Amino acid sequence: MKQQVQKQMGQAFPLGYLGDPLKNIAPALVFLASDAAHYITGQQIAINGGSAMVR
């Protein structure tokens, strides 16, 4: 049942799958916490597999 729900939900995302926190969110968090992001202020980074795209 869980796989069926994940498959159905994944079809709603343009990338075709639900994100994995370790593969998709963690790298962005590590970047934002690093010195490489020192010049970024007040931005929203959508880590949503494209689900916010206008269709």
PDB file of N, CA and C in Angstrom:
ATOM      1  N   MET A   1       0.824  -1.196   0.000  1.00  0.00           N
ATOM      2  CA  MET A   1       0.000   0.000   0.000  1.00  0.00           C
ATOM      3  C   MET A   1       0.869   1.261   0.000  1.00  0.00           C
ATOM      4  N   LYS A   2       1.928   1.267   0.806  1.00  0.00           N
ATOM      5  CA  LYS A   2       2.808   2.436   0.896  1.00  0.00           C
ATOM      6  C   LYS A   2       3.452   2.734  -0.452  1.00  0.00           C
ATOM      7  N   GLN A   3       3.909   1.701  -1.156  1.00  0.00           N
ATOM      8  CA  GLN A   3       4.540   1.900  -2.459  1.00  0.00           C
ATOM      9  C   GLN A   3       3.544   2.453  -3.471  1.00  0.00           C
ATOM     10  N   GLN A   4       2.298   2.013  -3.378  1.00  0.00           N
ATOM     11  CA  GLN A   4       1.264   2.495  -4.292  1.00  0.00           C
ATOM     12  C   GLN A   4       0.995   3.987  -4.058  1.00  0.00           C
ATOM     13  N   VAL A   5       0.918   4.389  -2.801  1.00  0.00           N
ATOM     14  CA  VAL A   5       0.694   5.791  -2.463  1.00  0.00           C
ATOM     15  C   VAL A   5       1.880   6.631  -2.923  1.00  0.00           C
ATOM     16  N   GLN A   6       3.096   6.148  -2.680  1.00  0.00           N
ATOM     17  CA  GLN A   6       4.287   6.878  -3.111  1.00  0.00           C
ATOM     18  C   GLN A   6       4.326   7.016  -4.630  1.00  0.00           C
ATOM     19  N   LYS A   7       3.924   5.980  -5.340  1.00  0.00           N
ATOM     20  CA  LYS A   7       3.904   6.030  -6.800  1.00  0.00           C
ATOM     21  C   LYS A   7       2.893   7.072  -7.278  1.00  0.00           C
ATOM     22  N   GLN A   8       1.705   7.073  -6.684  1.00  0.00           N
ATOM     23  CA  GLN A   8       0.674   8.043  -7.077  1.00  0.00           C
ATOM     24  C   GLN A   8       1.110   9.473  -6.769  1.00  0.00           C
ATOM     25  N   MET A   9       1.691   9.673  -5.596  1.00  0.00           N
ATOM     26  CA  MET A   9       2.152  11.004  -5.235  1.00  0.00           C
ATOM     27  C   MET A   9       3.311  11.432  -6.139  1.00  0.00           C
ATOM     28  N   GLY A  10       4.189  10.514  -6.457  1.00  0.00           N
ATOM     29  CA  GLY A  10       5.323  10.811  -7.318  1.00  0.00           C
ATOM     30  C   GLY A  10       4.903  11.273  -8.702  1.00  0.00           C
ATOM     31  N   GLN A  11       3.763  10.791  -9.177  1.00  0.00           N
ATOM     32  CA  GLN A  11       3.274  11.194 -10.495  1.00  0.00           C
ATOM     33  C   GLN A  11       2.874  12.667 -10.519  1.00  0.00           C
ATOM     34  N   ALA A  12       2.627  13.254  -9.351  1.00  0.00           N
ATOM     35  CA  ALA A  12       2.252  14.660  -9.270  1.00  0.00           C
ATOM     36  C   ALA A  12       3.468  15.573  -9.371  1.00  0.00           C
ATOM     37  N   PHE A  13       4.671  15.027  -9.269  1.00  0.00           N
ATOM     38  CA  PHE A  13       5.898  15.804  -9.321  1.00  0.00           C
ATOM     39  C   PHE A  13       6.502  15.708 -10.717  1.00  0.00           C
ATOM     40  N   PRO A  14       6.887  16.832 -11.314  1.00  0.00           N
ATOM     41  CA  PRO A  14       7.477  16.794 -12.650  1.00  0.00           C
ATOM     42  C   PRO A  14       8.708  15.880 -12.755  1.00  0.00           C
ATOM     43  N   LEU A  15       9.474  15.746 -11.677  1.00  0.00           N
ATOM     44  CA  LEU A  15      10.637  14.850 -11.727  1.00  0.00           C
ATOM     45  C   LEU A  15      10.234  13.388 -11.651  1.00  0.00           C
ATOM     46  N   GLY A  16       8.986  13.116 -11.250  1.00  0.00           N
ATOM     47  CA  GLY A  16       8.466  11.758 -11.265  1.00  0.00           C
ATOM     48  C   GLY A  16       8.709  10.931 -10.021  1.00  0.00           C
ATOM     49  N   TYR A  17       9.207  11.532  -8.963  1.00  0.00           N
ATOM     50  CA  TYR A  17       9.411  10.781  -7.729  1.00  0.00           C
ATOM     51  C   TYR A  17       9.378  11.713  -6.534  1.00  0.00           C
ATOM     52  N   LEU A  18       9.091  11.145  -5.366  1.00  0.00           N
ATOM     53  CA  LEU A  18       9.150  11.909  -4.133  1.00  0.00           C
ATOM     54  C   LEU A  18      10.613  12.075  -3.738  1.00  0.00           C
ATOM     55  N   GLY A  19      10.928  13.209  -3.186  1.00  0.00           N
ATOM     56  CA  GLY A  19      12.315  13.460  -2.799  1.00  0.00           C
ATOM     57  C   GLY A  19      12.754  12.631  -1.610  1.00  0.00           C
ATOM     58  N   ASP A  20      14.040  12.415  -1.545  1.00  0.00           N
ATOM     59  CA  ASP A  20      14.672  11.718  -0.441  1.00  0.00           C
ATOM     60  C   ASP A  20      15.403  12.767   0.398  1.00  0.00           C
ATOM     61  N   PRO A  21      15.071  12.904   1.688  1.00  0.00           N
ATOM     62  CA  PRO A  21      15.709  13.937   2.506  1.00  0.00           C
ATOM     63  C   PRO A  21      17.234  13.886   2.483  1.00  0.00           C
ATOM     64  N   LEU A  22      17.810  12.697   2.474  1.00  0.00           N
ATOM     65  CA  LEU A  22      19.278  12.599   2.482  1.00  0.00           C
ATOM     66  C   LEU A  22      19.895  12.961   1.143  1.00  0.00           C
ATOM     67  N   LYS A  23      19.202  12.690   0.053  1.00  0.00           N
ATOM     68  CA  LYS A  23      19.752  12.957  -1.266  1.00  0.00           C
ATOM     69  C   LYS A  23      19.358  14.332  -1.808  1.00  0.00           C
ATOM     70  N   ASN A  24      18.208  14.856  -1.385  1.00  0.00           N
ATOM     71  CA  ASN A  24      17.702  16.079  -1.988  1.00  0.00           C
ATOM     72  C   ASN A  24      17.732  17.298  -1.073  1.00  0.00           C
ATOM     73  N   ILE A  25      17.493  17.124   0.190  1.00  0.00           N
ATOM     74  CA  ILE A  25      17.420  18.265   1.102  1.00  0.00           C
ATOM     75  C   ILE A  25      18.748  18.500   1.814  1.00  0.00           C
ATOM     76  N   ALA A  26      19.396  17.437   2.259  1.00  0.00           N
ATOM     77  CA  ALA A  26      20.653  17.571   3.007  1.00  0.00           C
ATOM     78  C   ALA A  26      21.721  18.362   2.255  1.00  0.00           C
ATOM     79  N   PRO A  27      21.933  18.124   0.948  1.00  0.00           N
ATOM     80  CA  PRO A  27      22.968  18.913   0.259  1.00  0.00           C
ATOM     81  C   PRO A  27      22.684  20.417   0.276  1.00  0.00           C
ATOM     82  N   ALA A  28      21.411  20.798   0.150  1.00  0.00           N
ATOM     83  CA  ALA A  28      21.076  22.224   0.193  1.00  0.00           C
ATOM     84  C   ALA A  28      21.320  22.797   1.582  1.00  0.00           C
ATOM     85  N   LEU A  29      20.995  22.029   2.609  1.00  0.00           N
ATOM     86  CA  LEU A  29      21.236  22.496   3.975  1.00  0.00           C
ATOM     87  C   LEU A  29      22.724  22.624   4.269  1.00  0.00           C
ATOM     88  N   VAL A  30      23.507  21.666   3.798  1.00  0.00           N
ATOM     89  CA  VAL A  30      24.952  21.727   3.999  1.00  0.00           C
ATOM     90  C   VAL A  30      25.516  22.954   3.279  1.00  0.00           C
ATOM     91  N   PHE A  31      25.042  23.204   2.057  1.00  0.00           N
ATOM     92  CA  PHE A  31      25.499  24.380   1.326  1.00  0.00           C
ATOM     93  C   PHE A  31      25.147  25.660   2.081  1.00  0.00           C
ATOM     94  N   LEU A  32      23.904  25.784   2.539  1.00  0.00           N
ATOM     95  CA  LEU A  32      23.485  27.003   3.231  1.00  0.00           C
ATOM     96  C   LEU A  32      24.245  27.211   4.542  1.00  0.00           C
ATOM     97  N   ALA A  33      24.663  26.129   5.177  1.00  0.00           N
ATOM     98  CA  ALA A  33      25.402  26.229   6.431  1.00  0.00           C
ATOM     99  C   ALA A  33      26.902  26.458   6.202  1.00  0.00           C
ATOM    100  N   SER A  34      27.330  26.380   4.951  1.00  0.00           N
ATOM    101  CA  SER A  34      28.761  26.509   4.657  1.00  0.00           C
ATOM    102  C   SER A  34      29.143  27.956   4.346  1.00  0.00           C
ATOM    103  N   ASP A  35      30.435  28.188   4.281  1.00  0.00           N
ATOM    104  CA  ASP A  35      30.955  29.506   3.909  1.00  0.00           C
ATOM    105  C   ASP A  35      30.629  29.859   2.457  1.00  0.00           C
ATOM    106  N   ALA A  36      30.329  28.862   1.643  1.00  0.00           N
ATOM    107  CA  ALA A  36      30.008  29.118   0.233  1.00  0.00           C
ATOM    108  C   ALA A  36      28.722  29.930   0.074  1.00  0.00           C
ATOM    109  N   ALA A  37      27.873  29.923   1.086  1.00  0.00           N
ATOM    110  CA  ALA A  37      26.605  30.647   1.032  1.00  0.00           C
ATOM    111  C   ALA A  37      26.676  31.976   1.778  1.00  0.00           C
ATOM    112  N   HIS A  38      27.869  32.487   2.015  1.00  0.00           N
ATOM    113  CA  HIS A  38      28.021  33.688   2.837  1.00  0.00           C
ATOM    114  C   HIS A  38      27.374  34.927   2.220  1.00  0.00           C
ATOM    115  N   TYR A  39      27.142  34.941   0.929  1.00  0.00           N
ATOM    116  CA  TYR A  39      26.596  36.125   0.272  1.00  0.00           C
ATOM    117  C   TYR A  39      25.094  35.983  -0.030  1.00  0.00           C
ATOM    118  N   ILE A  40      24.482  34.926   0.420  1.00  0.00           N
ATOM    119  CA  ILE A  40      23.055  34.696   0.188  1.00  0.00           C
ATOM    120  C   ILE A  40      22.268  35.246   1.370  1.00  0.00           C
ATOM    121  N   THR A  41      21.278  36.081   1.068  1.00  0.00           N
ATOM    122  CA  THR A  41      20.422  36.630   2.123  1.00  0.00           C
ATOM    123  C   THR A  41      18.962  36.569   1.690  1.00  0.00           C
ATOM    124  N   GLY A  42      18.107  36.164   2.581  1.00  0.00           N
ATOM    125  CA  GLY A  42      16.664  36.228   2.383  1.00  0.00           C
ATOM    126  C   GLY A  42      16.124  35.543   1.144  1.00  0.00           C
ATOM    127  N   GLN A  43      16.610  34.386   0.817  1.00  0.00           N
ATOM    128  CA  GLN A  43      16.135  33.676  -0.364  1.00  0.00           C
ATOM    129  C   GLN A  43      15.327  32.450   0.025  1.00  0.00           C
ATOM    130  N   GLN A  44      14.415  32.083  -0.847  1.00  0.00           N
ATOM    131  CA  GLN A  44      13.676  30.837  -0.689  1.00  0.00           C
ATOM    132  C   GLN A  44      14.193  29.869  -1.742  1.00  0.00           C
ATOM    133  N   ILE A  45      14.583  28.700  -1.299  1.00  0.00           N
ATOM    134  CA  ILE A  45      15.065  27.677  -2.217  1.00  0.00           C
ATOM    135  C   ILE A  45      14.030  26.555  -2.215  1.00  0.00           C
ATOM    136  N   ALA A  46      13.350  26.413  -3.325  1.00  0.00           N
ATOM    137  CA  ALA A  46      12.298  25.391  -3.432  1.00  0.00           C
ATOM    138  C   ALA A  46      12.930  24.034  -3.710  1.00  0.00           C
ATOM    139  N   ILE A  47      12.872  23.172  -2.735  1.00  0.00           N
ATOM    140  CA  ILE A  47      13.374  21.804  -2.898  1.00  0.00           C
ATOM    141  C   ILE A  47      12.128  20.923  -2.920  1.00  0.00           C
ATOM    142  N   ASN A  48      11.443  20.941  -4.067  1.00  0.00           N
ATOM    143  CA  ASN A  48      10.129  20.308  -4.122  1.00  0.00           C
ATOM    144  C   ASN A  48       9.913  19.492  -5.397  1.00  0.00           C
ATOM    145  N   GLY A  49      10.971  19.172  -6.082  1.00  0.00           N
ATOM    146  CA  GLY A  49      10.830  18.326  -7.276  1.00  0.00           C
ATOM    147  C   GLY A  49      10.048  18.961  -8.402  1.00  0.00           C
ATOM    148  N   GLY A  50       9.914  20.275  -8.356  1.00  0.00           N
ATOM    149  CA  GLY A  50       9.181  20.972  -9.405  1.00  0.00           C
ATOM    150  C   GLY A  50       7.691  21.073  -9.179  1.00  0.00           C
ATOM    151  N   SER A  51       7.217  20.673  -8.002  1.00  0.00           N
ATOM    152  CA  SER A  51       5.765  20.668  -7.766  1.00  0.00           C
ATOM    153  C   SER A  51       5.167  22.064  -7.716  1.00  0.00           C
ATOM    154  N   ALA A  52       5.993  23.097  -7.579  1.00  0.00           N
ATOM    155  CA  ALA A  52       5.480  24.458  -7.554  1.00  0.00           C
ATOM    156  C   ALA A  52       5.404  25.072  -8.951  1.00  0.00           C
ATOM    157  N   MET A  53       5.754  24.302  -9.955  1.00  0.00           N
ATOM    158  CA  MET A  53       5.715  24.808 -11.328  1.00  0.00           C
ATOM    159  C   MET A  53       4.270  25.047 -11.756  1.00  0.00           C
ATOM    160  N   VAL A  54       4.085  26.053 -12.557  1.00  0.00           N
ATOM    161  CA  VAL A  54       2.759  26.342 -13.106  1.00  0.00           C
ATOM    162  C   VAL A  54       2.568  25.462 -14.324  1.00  0.00           C
ATOM    163  N   ARG A  55       1.461  24.783 -14.347  1.00  0.00           N
ATOM    164  CA  ARG A  55       1.180  23.885 -15.481  1.00  0.00           C
ATOM    165  C   ARG A  55       0.162  24.496 -16.391  1.00  0.00           C
TER     166      ARG A  55
END
